[in-house]
Amino acid sequence: MNQNKVLEKYKAERTKCIVYTRVMGYHRPVESFNTGKKGEHRERKFFLEKASQTNAA
């Protein structure tokens, strides 16, 4: 089943998901960001702290 068919099938059960991120010491919803800030948020790299510490020289 392709993605559009799946989305249409479960449309009545779907709800809006608000994503928050930490900015300058407090949490803000990403949907309230301006265009430039939204672009920056999409480009962020995510990492696991423990994994990055084991690779440190």
Protein backbone atom coordinates (compact mmCIF):
# COMPACT_ATOMS: atom_id res chain seq x y z
CA MET A 1 0.00 0.00 0.00
CA ASN A 2 1.48 3.37 -0.93
CA GLN A 3 1.79 6.21 1.58
CA ASN A 4 -1.14 8.26 0.21
CA LYS A 5 -3.53 5.31 0.52
CA VAL A 6 -2.39 4.63 4.09
CA LEU A 7 -2.84 8.29 5.05
CA GLU A 8 -6.30 8.40 3.50
CA LYS A 9 -7.34 5.13 5.18
CA TYR A 10 -6.45 6.40 8.68
CA LYS A 11 -7.40 10.07 8.15
CA ALA A 12 -10.21 10.00 10.75
CA GLU A 13 -7.85 8.62 13.42
CA ARG A 14 -5.01 11.09 12.85
CA THR A 15 -4.33 14.02 15.18
CA LYS A 16 -2.00 17.00 14.96
CA CYS A 17 1.39 16.48 16.58
CA ILE A 18 3.13 19.58 17.96
CA VAL A 19 6.92 19.29 18.04
CA TYR A 20 8.77 21.29 20.70
CA THR A 21 12.46 22.12 20.77
CA ARG A 22 14.67 23.79 23.35
CA VAL A 23 15.65 27.35 22.41
CA MET A 24 17.70 29.62 24.67
CA GLY A 25 16.82 27.69 27.84
CA TYR A 26 13.11 27.14 27.27
CA HIS A 27 10.89 25.00 25.03
CA ARG A 28 9.00 26.39 22.03
CA PRO A 29 6.80 24.74 19.41
CA VAL A 30 8.57 24.47 16.05
CA GLU A 31 5.40 25.57 14.24
CA SER A 32 5.81 29.07 15.74
CA PHE A 33 9.26 29.52 14.17
CA ASN A 34 9.81 31.85 11.23
CA THR A 35 10.81 30.39 7.84
CA GLY A 36 14.57 30.68 8.43
CA LYS A 37 14.44 29.08 11.87
CA LYS A 38 12.30 26.19 10.54
CA GLY A 39 14.94 25.57 7.86
CA GLU A 40 17.70 25.58 10.47
CA HIS A 41 15.73 23.12 12.62
CA ARG A 42 15.38 20.69 9.67
CA GLU A 43 19.16 20.79 9.07
CA ARG A 44 20.13 19.92 12.67
CA LYS A 45 22.19 16.80 13.26
CA PHE A 46 21.07 14.46 16.03
CA PHE A 47 23.50 12.28 17.96
CA LEU A 48 23.73 10.03 20.99
CA GLU A 49 25.96 11.48 23.68
CA LYS A 50 27.42 8.12 24.80
CA ALA A 51 28.20 7.08 21.23
CA SER A 52 30.03 10.34 20.51
CA GLN A 53 32.07 10.09 23.74
CA THR A 54 33.40 6.63 22.84
CA ASN A 55 34.66 7.92 19.50
CA ALA A 56 36.60 10.82 21.09
CA ALA A 57 40.36 10.51 20.84
